[in-house]
Amino acid sequence: MDSEKKIILFDGVCNLCNSSVQYIIKHDTKDEYRFAALQSEIGKKMIAERHIDTALLDSILLIEPGVAYYAKSTAALMIGKSFGGFWSLVAIFEWIPENFRNSVYDYIAKNRYKWYGKKDACMIPTPELKAKFLD
Protein backbone atom coordinates (compact mmCIF):
# COMPACT_ATOMS: atom_id res chain seq x y z
CA MET A 1 0.00 0.00 0.00
CA ASP A 2 1.33 3.43 -0.96
CA SER A 3 1.68 5.37 2.30
CA GLU A 4 1.60 8.68 0.39
CA LYS A 5 -2.00 8.18 -0.73
CA LYS A 6 -5.01 9.24 1.28
CA ILE A 7 -7.55 6.49 1.79
CA ILE A 8 -11.30 6.87 1.52
CA LEU A 9 -13.40 4.22 3.24
CA PHE A 10 -17.00 4.20 2.04
CA ASP A 11 -20.20 2.16 2.31
CA GLY A 12 -19.73 -0.29 -0.54
CA VAL A 13 -23.42 -1.16 -0.91
CA CYS A 14 -24.76 2.40 -0.90
CA ASN A 15 -25.65 3.83 -4.32
CA LEU A 16 -25.02 7.41 -3.17
CA CYS A 17 -21.61 6.43 -1.79
CA ASN A 18 -20.66 4.55 -4.94
CA SER A 19 -21.67 7.52 -7.09
CA SER A 20 -19.61 9.78 -4.84
CA VAL A 21 -16.57 7.51 -5.23
CA GLN A 22 -16.97 7.61 -9.03
CA TYR A 23 -17.14 11.41 -8.86
CA ILE A 24 -14.03 11.60 -6.67
CA ILE A 25 -12.10 9.31 -9.03
CA LYS A 26 -13.08 11.47 -11.99
CA HIS A 27 -11.93 14.67 -10.25
CA ASP A 28 -8.84 13.24 -8.51
CA THR A 29 -6.48 14.71 -11.10
CA LYS A 30 -3.52 14.58 -8.66
CA ASP A 31 -4.10 10.86 -7.96
CA GLU A 32 -4.26 11.51 -4.20
CA TYR A 33 -6.79 8.86 -3.20
CA ARG A 34 -7.20 5.14 -2.83
CA PHE A 35 -10.49 3.50 -1.90
CA ALA A 36 -11.85 0.61 0.11
CA ALA A 37 -15.33 -0.35 1.19
CA LEU A 38 -16.04 -0.23 4.91
CA GLN A 39 -17.27 -3.82 4.54
CA SER A 40 -14.04 -5.10 2.94
CA GLU A 41 -11.34 -6.92 4.89
CA ILE A 42 -8.90 -4.02 4.49
CA GLY A 43 -11.62 -1.54 5.46
CA LYS A 44 -12.43 -3.52 8.60
CA LYS A 45 -8.72 -3.75 9.42
CA MET A 46 -8.21 0.02 9.09
CA ILE A 47 -11.26 0.70 11.23
CA ALA A 48 -10.03 -1.72 13.92
CA GLU A 49 -6.51 -0.22 13.89
CA ARG A 50 -8.03 3.18 14.65
CA HIS A 51 -10.47 1.80 17.26
CA ILE A 52 -13.46 3.29 15.42
CA ASP A 53 -16.88 2.12 16.58
CA THR A 54 -18.83 1.78 13.33
CA ALA A 55 -22.05 1.46 15.32
CA LEU A 56 -21.56 5.11 16.24
CA LEU A 57 -19.87 6.20 13.02
CA ASP A 58 -21.60 4.96 9.87
CA SER A 59 -19.78 7.39 7.64
CA ILE A 60 -17.25 8.10 4.98
CA LEU A 61 -13.76 8.09 6.44
CA LEU A 62 -10.77 9.91 5.04
CA ILE A 63 -7.49 8.50 6.32
CA GLU A 64 -4.21 10.33 5.91
CA PRO A 65 -1.73 7.58 6.84
CA GLY A 66 0.56 8.66 9.63
CA VAL A 67 -1.40 11.88 10.17
CA ALA A 68 -5.07 11.50 11.16
CA TYR A 69 -8.47 10.35 10.02
CA TYR A 70 -11.55 12.45 9.36
CA ALA A 71 -15.20 11.48 9.24
CA LYS A 72 -18.58 12.74 8.10
CA SER A 73 -18.80 16.35 6.94
CA THR A 74 -15.16 17.12 7.71
CA ALA A 75 -14.00 14.25 5.47
CA ALA A 76 -16.35 15.38 2.68
CA LEU A 77 -15.12 18.98 2.91
CA MET A 78 -11.47 17.95 2.86
CA ILE A 79 -12.02 15.78 -0.19
CA GLY A 80 -13.93 18.54 -1.98
CA LYS A 81 -11.26 21.14 -1.24
CA SER A 82 -8.56 18.89 -2.67
CA PHE A 83 -10.09 19.20 -6.16
CA GLY A 84 -9.09 22.89 -6.25
CA GLY A 85 -10.71 25.48 -8.48
CA PHE A 86 -14.39 26.06 -7.79
CA TRP A 87 -14.30 23.31 -5.16
CA SER A 88 -11.99 25.43 -3.00
CA LEU A 89 -15.11 27.41 -2.10
CA VAL A 90 -16.39 24.53 0.06
CA ALA A 91 -13.89 25.77 2.67
CA ILE A 92 -16.51 28.35 3.65
CA PHE A 93 -18.56 25.51 5.17
CA GLU A 94 -15.78 24.92 7.69
CA TRP A 95 -17.04 28.06 9.43
CA ILE A 96 -20.26 26.24 10.23
CA PRO A 97 -19.90 24.39 13.55
CA GLU A 98 -19.01 20.74 13.00
CA ASN A 99 -21.92 19.52 15.16
CA PHE A 100 -24.40 21.28 12.88
CA ARG A 101 -22.65 20.10 9.69
CA ASN A 102 -22.63 16.55 11.01
CA SER A 103 -26.31 16.66 11.95
CA VAL A 104 -27.10 17.46 8.28
CA TYR A 105 -24.66 14.74 7.18
CA ASP A 106 -26.27 12.23 9.58
CA TYR A 107 -29.76 13.04 8.26
CA ILE A 108 -28.65 12.31 4.71
CA ALA A 109 -26.73 9.18 5.80
CA LYS A 110 -29.74 7.89 7.72
CA ASN A 111 -31.93 8.18 4.61
CA ARG A 112 -29.41 7.28 1.91
CA TYR A 113 -30.73 3.78 1.24
CA LYS A 114 -34.31 4.99 1.09
CA TRP A 115 -33.49 7.89 -1.26
CA TYR A 116 -30.73 6.39 -3.43
CA GLY A 117 -31.08 2.64 -3.02
CA LYS A 118 -28.71 -0.10 -2.01
CA LYS A 119 -26.76 -2.81 -3.83
CA ASP A 120 -26.72 -6.45 -2.78
CA ALA A 121 -22.92 -6.46 -2.77
CA CYS A 122 -20.02 -4.02 -2.81
CA MET A 123 -19.08 -2.36 -6.08
CA ILE A 124 -16.55 -4.24 -8.19
CA PRO A 125 -14.22 -1.77 -9.90
CA THR A 126 -13.60 -2.01 -13.62
CA PRO A 127 -10.14 -3.21 -14.66
CA GLU A 128 -9.16 0.40 -15.42
CA LEU A 129 -10.07 1.51 -11.89
CA LYS A 130 -8.75 -1.56 -10.04
CA ALA A 131 -5.45 0.21 -9.12
CA LYS A 132 -7.42 2.85 -7.18
CA PHE A 133 -8.90 0.25 -4.82
CA LEU A 134 -7.13 -1.46 -1.96
CA ASP A 135 -7.29 -5.25 -1.64
C-alpha atoms as a PDB file:
ATOM      1  CA  MET A   1       0.000   0.000   0.000  1.00  0.00           C
ATOM      2  CA  ASP A   2       1.334   3.435  -0.958  1.00  0.00           C
ATOM      3  CA  SER A   3       1.677   5.375   2.305  1.00  0.00           C
ATOM      4  CA  GLU A   4       1.601   8.676   0.387  1.00  0.00           C
ATOM      5  CA  LYS A   5      -2.001   8.180  -0.731  1.00  0.00           C
ATOM      6  CA  LYS A   6      -5.010   9.244   1.279  1.00  0.00           C
ATOM      7  CA  ILE A   7      -7.548   6.489   1.794  1.00  0.00           C
ATOM      8  CA  ILE A   8     -11.298   6.871   1.520  1.00  0.00           C
ATOM      9  CA  LEU A   9     -13.402   4.219   3.241  1.00  0.00           C
ATOM     10  CA  PHE A  10     -17.000   4.204   2.044  1.00  0.00           C
ATOM     11  CA  ASP A  11     -20.196   2.164   2.307  1.00  0.00           C
ATOM     12  CA  GLY A  12     -19.726  -0.295  -0.537  1.00  0.00           C
ATOM     13  CA  VAL A  13     -23.418  -1.163  -0.909  1.00  0.00           C
ATOM     14  CA  CYS A  14     -24.762   2.405  -0.901  1.00  0.00           C
ATOM     15  CA  ASN A  15     -25.648   3.831  -4.321  1.00  0.00           C
ATOM     16  CA  LEU A  16     -25.019   7.415  -3.167  1.00  0.00           C
ATOM     17  CA  CYS A  17     -21.610   6.430  -1.785  1.00  0.00           C
ATOM     18  CA  ASN A  18     -20.658   4.546  -4.941  1.00  0.00           C
ATOM     19  CA  SER A  19     -21.675   7.519  -7.093  1.00  0.00           C
ATOM     20  CA  SER A  20     -19.606   9.778  -4.842  1.00  0.00           C
ATOM     21  CA  VAL A  21     -16.569   7.513  -5.234  1.00  0.00           C
ATOM     22  CA  GLN A  22     -16.973   7.606  -9.026  1.00  0.00           C
ATOM     23  CA  TYR A  23     -17.144  11.414  -8.860  1.00  0.00           C
ATOM     24  CA  ILE A  24     -14.026  11.596  -6.673  1.00  0.00           C
ATOM     25  CA  ILE A  25     -12.102   9.312  -9.034  1.00  0.00           C
ATOM     26  CA  LYS A  26     -13.080  11.471 -11.995  1.00  0.00           C
ATOM     27  CA  HIS A  27     -11.926  14.667 -10.249  1.00  0.00           C
ATOM     28  CA  ASP A  28      -8.837  13.238  -8.510  1.00  0.00           C
ATOM     29  CA  THR A  29      -6.476  14.708 -11.095  1.00  0.00           C
ATOM     30  CA  LYS A  30      -3.521  14.585  -8.663  1.00  0.00           C
ATOM     31  CA  ASP A  31      -4.100  10.862  -7.959  1.00  0.00           C
ATOM     32  CA  GLU A  32      -4.261  11.506  -4.199  1.00  0.00           C
ATOM     33  CA  TYR A  33      -6.787   8.855  -3.199  1.00  0.00           C
ATOM     34  CA  ARG A  34      -7.196   5.143  -2.826  1.00  0.00           C
ATOM     35  CA  PHE A  35     -10.492   3.504  -1.903  1.00  0.00           C
ATOM     36  CA  ALA A  36     -11.853   0.606   0.113  1.00  0.00           C
ATOM     37  CA  ALA A  37     -15.334  -0.353   1.189  1.00  0.00           C
ATOM     38  CA  LEU A  38     -16.043  -0.231   4.910  1.00  0.00           C
ATOM     39  CA  GLN A  39     -17.272  -3.820   4.538  1.00  0.00           C
ATOM     40  CA  SER A  40     -14.036  -5.098   2.936  1.00  0.00           C
ATOM     41  CA  GLU A  41     -11.343  -6.917   4.888  1.00  0.00           C
ATOM     42  CA  ILE A  42      -8.901  -4.015   4.495  1.00  0.00           C
ATOM     43  CA  GLY A  43     -11.624  -1.541   5.463  1.00  0.00           C
ATOM     44  CA  LYS A  44     -12.428  -3.518   8.605  1.00  0.00           C
ATOM     45  CA  LYS A  45      -8.717  -3.754   9.419  1.00  0.00           C
ATOM     46  CA  MET A  46      -8.208   0.017   9.087  1.00  0.00           C
ATOM     47  CA  ILE A  47     -11.258   0.699  11.234  1.00  0.00           C
ATOM     48  CA  ALA A  48     -10.030  -1.715  13.925  1.00  0.00           C
ATOM     49  CA  GLU A  49      -6.510  -0.217  13.885  1.00  0.00           C
ATOM     50  CA  ARG A  50      -8.031   3.183  14.650  1.00  0.00           C
ATOM     51  CA  HIS A  51     -10.471   1.802  17.260  1.00  0.00           C
ATOM     52  CA  ILE A  52     -13.457   3.289  15.420  1.00  0.00           C
ATOM     53  CA  ASP A  53     -16.885   2.118  16.576  1.00  0.00           C
ATOM     54  CA  THR A  54     -18.827   1.783  13.327  1.00  0.00           C
ATOM     55  CA  ALA A  55     -22.053   1.458  15.315  1.00  0.00           C
ATOM     56  CA  LEU A  56     -21.555   5.113  16.239  1.00  0.00           C
ATOM     57  CA  LEU A  57     -19.873   6.197  13.016  1.00  0.00           C
ATOM     58  CA  ASP A  58     -21.599   4.958   9.867  1.00  0.00           C
ATOM     59  CA  SER A  59     -19.779   7.387   7.637  1.00  0.00           C
ATOM     60  CA  ILE A  60     -17.251   8.097   4.977  1.00  0.00           C
ATOM     61  CA  LEU A  61     -13.760   8.090   6.440  1.00  0.00           C
ATOM     62  CA  LEU A  62     -10.770   9.912   5.043  1.00  0.00           C
ATOM     63  CA  ILE A  63      -7.490   8.499   6.321  1.00  0.00           C
ATOM     64  CA  GLU A  64      -4.211  10.329   5.913  1.00  0.00           C
ATOM     65  CA  PRO A  65      -1.733   7.584   6.836  1.00  0.00           C
ATOM     66  CA  GLY A  66       0.564   8.656   9.633  1.00  0.00           C
ATOM     67  CA  VAL A  67      -1.400  11.883  10.165  1.00  0.00           C
ATOM     68  CA  ALA A  68      -5.068  11.499  11.160  1.00  0.00           C
ATOM     69  CA  TYR A  69      -8.470  10.353  10.023  1.00  0.00           C
ATOM     70  CA  TYR A  70     -11.553  12.448   9.357  1.00  0.00           C
ATOM     71  CA  ALA A  71     -15.203  11.483   9.240  1.00  0.00           C
ATOM     72  CA  LYS A  72     -18.582  12.735   8.105  1.00  0.00           C
ATOM     73  CA  SER A  73     -18.797  16.352   6.937  1.00  0.00           C
ATOM     74  CA  THR A  74     -15.158  17.115   7.705  1.00  0.00           C
ATOM     75  CA  ALA A  75     -14.005  14.248   5.469  1.00  0.00           C
ATOM     76  CA  ALA A  76     -16.348  15.381   2.685  1.00  0.00           C
ATOM     77  CA  LEU A  77     -15.122  18.981   2.914  1.00  0.00           C
ATOM     78  CA  MET A  78     -11.465  17.953   2.861  1.00  0.00           C
ATOM     79  CA  ILE A  79     -12.021  15.781  -0.192  1.00  0.00           C
ATOM     80  CA  GLY A  80     -13.927  18.541  -1.977  1.00  0.00           C
ATOM     81  CA  LYS A  81     -11.255  21.145  -1.239  1.00  0.00           C
ATOM     82  CA  SER A  82      -8.561  18.890  -2.674  1.00  0.00           C
ATOM     83  CA  PHE A  83     -10.087  19.200  -6.157  1.00  0.00           C
ATOM     84  CA  GLY A  84      -9.090  22.888  -6.249  1.00  0.00           C
ATOM     85  CA  GLY A  85     -10.707  25.484  -8.484  1.00  0.00           C
ATOM     86  CA  PHE A  86     -14.391  26.060  -7.793  1.00  0.00           C
ATOM     87  CA  TRP A  87     -14.302  23.314  -5.165  1.00  0.00           C
ATOM     88  CA  SER A  88     -11.995  25.434  -2.999  1.00  0.00           C
ATOM     89  CA  LEU A  89     -15.107  27.414  -2.097  1.00  0.00           C
ATOM     90  CA  VAL A  90     -16.386  24.534   0.057  1.00  0.00           C
ATOM     91  CA  ALA A  91     -13.894  25.767   2.665  1.00  0.00           C
ATOM     92  CA  ILE A  92     -16.506  28.351   3.646  1.00  0.00           C
ATOM     93  CA  PHE A  93     -18.561  25.509   5.172  1.00  0.00           C
ATOM     94  CA  GLU A  94     -15.781  24.916   7.688  1.00  0.00           C
ATOM     95  CA  TRP A  95     -17.038  28.060   9.433  1.00  0.00           C
ATOM     96  CA  ILE A  96     -20.264  26.239  10.230  1.00  0.00           C
ATOM     97  CA  PRO A  97     -19.904  24.393  13.554  1.00  0.00           C
ATOM     98  CA  GLU A  98     -19.009  20.738  13.001  1.00  0.00           C
ATOM     99  CA  ASN A  99     -21.917  19.523  15.165  1.00  0.00           C
ATOM    100  CA  PHE A 100     -24.401  21.280  12.879  1.00  0.00           C
ATOM    101  CA  ARG A 101     -22.647  20.096   9.689  1.00  0.00           C
ATOM    102  CA  ASN A 102     -22.634  16.549  11.014  1.00  0.00           C
ATOM    103  CA  SER A 103     -26.314  16.660  11.946  1.00  0.00           C
ATOM    104  CA  VAL A 104     -27.097  17.463   8.277  1.00  0.00           C
ATOM    105  CA  TYR A 105     -24.663  14.737   7.182  1.00  0.00           C
ATOM    106  CA  ASP A 106     -26.274  12.234   9.579  1.00  0.00           C
ATOM    107  CA  TYR A 107     -29.759  13.039   8.264  1.00  0.00           C
ATOM    108  CA  ILE A 108     -28.648  12.306   4.708  1.00  0.00           C
ATOM    109  CA  ALA A 109     -26.732   9.180   5.804  1.00  0.00           C
ATOM    110  CA  LYS A 110     -29.744   7.888   7.716  1.00  0.00           C
ATOM    111  CA  ASN A 111     -31.932   8.178   4.615  1.00  0.00           C
ATOM    112  CA  ARG A 112     -29.407   7.282   1.912  1.00  0.00           C
ATOM    113  CA  TYR A 113     -30.727   3.776   1.243  1.00  0.00           C
ATOM    114  CA  LYS A 114     -34.313   4.990   1.087  1.00  0.00           C
ATOM    115  CA  TRP A 115     -33.489   7.890  -1.256  1.00  0.00           C
ATOM    116  CA  TYR A 116     -30.733   6.390  -3.426  1.00  0.00           C
ATOM    117  CA  GLY A 117     -31.078   2.644  -3.018  1.00  0.00           C
ATOM    118  CA  LYS A 118     -28.707  -0.097  -2.011  1.00  0.00           C
ATOM    119  CA  LYS A 119     -26.765  -2.806  -3.830  1.00  0.00           C
ATOM    120  CA  ASP A 120     -26.724  -6.453  -2.781  1.00  0.00           C
ATOM    121  CA  ALA A 121     -22.917  -6.461  -2.770  1.00  0.00           C
ATOM    122  CA  CYS A 122     -20.022  -4.018  -2.814  1.00  0.00           C
ATOM    123  CA  MET A 123     -19.084  -2.359  -6.076  1.00  0.00           C
ATOM    124  CA  ILE A 124     -16.552  -4.236  -8.193  1.00  0.00           C
ATOM    125  CA  PRO A 125     -14.221  -1.775  -9.903  1.00  0.00           C
ATOM    126  CA  THR A 126     -13.598  -2.007 -13.618  1.00  0.00           C
ATOM    127  CA  PRO A 127     -10.137  -3.211 -14.662  1.00  0.00           C
ATOM    128  CA  GLU A 128      -9.160   0.404 -15.422  1.00  0.00           C
ATOM    129  CA  LEU A 129     -10.073   1.508 -11.886  1.00  0.00           C
ATOM    130  CA  LYS A 130      -8.748  -1.556 -10.035  1.00  0.00           C
ATOM    131  CA  ALA A 131      -5.453   0.208  -9.117  1.00  0.00           C
ATOM    132  CA  LYS A 132      -7.420   2.854  -7.179  1.00  0.00           C
ATOM    133  CA  PHE A 133      -8.902   0.254  -4.816  1.00  0.00           C
ATOM    134  CA  LEU A 134      -7.125  -1.459  -1.956  1.00  0.00           C
ATOM    135  CA  ASP A 135      -7.285  -5.249  -1.641  1.00  0.00           C
END
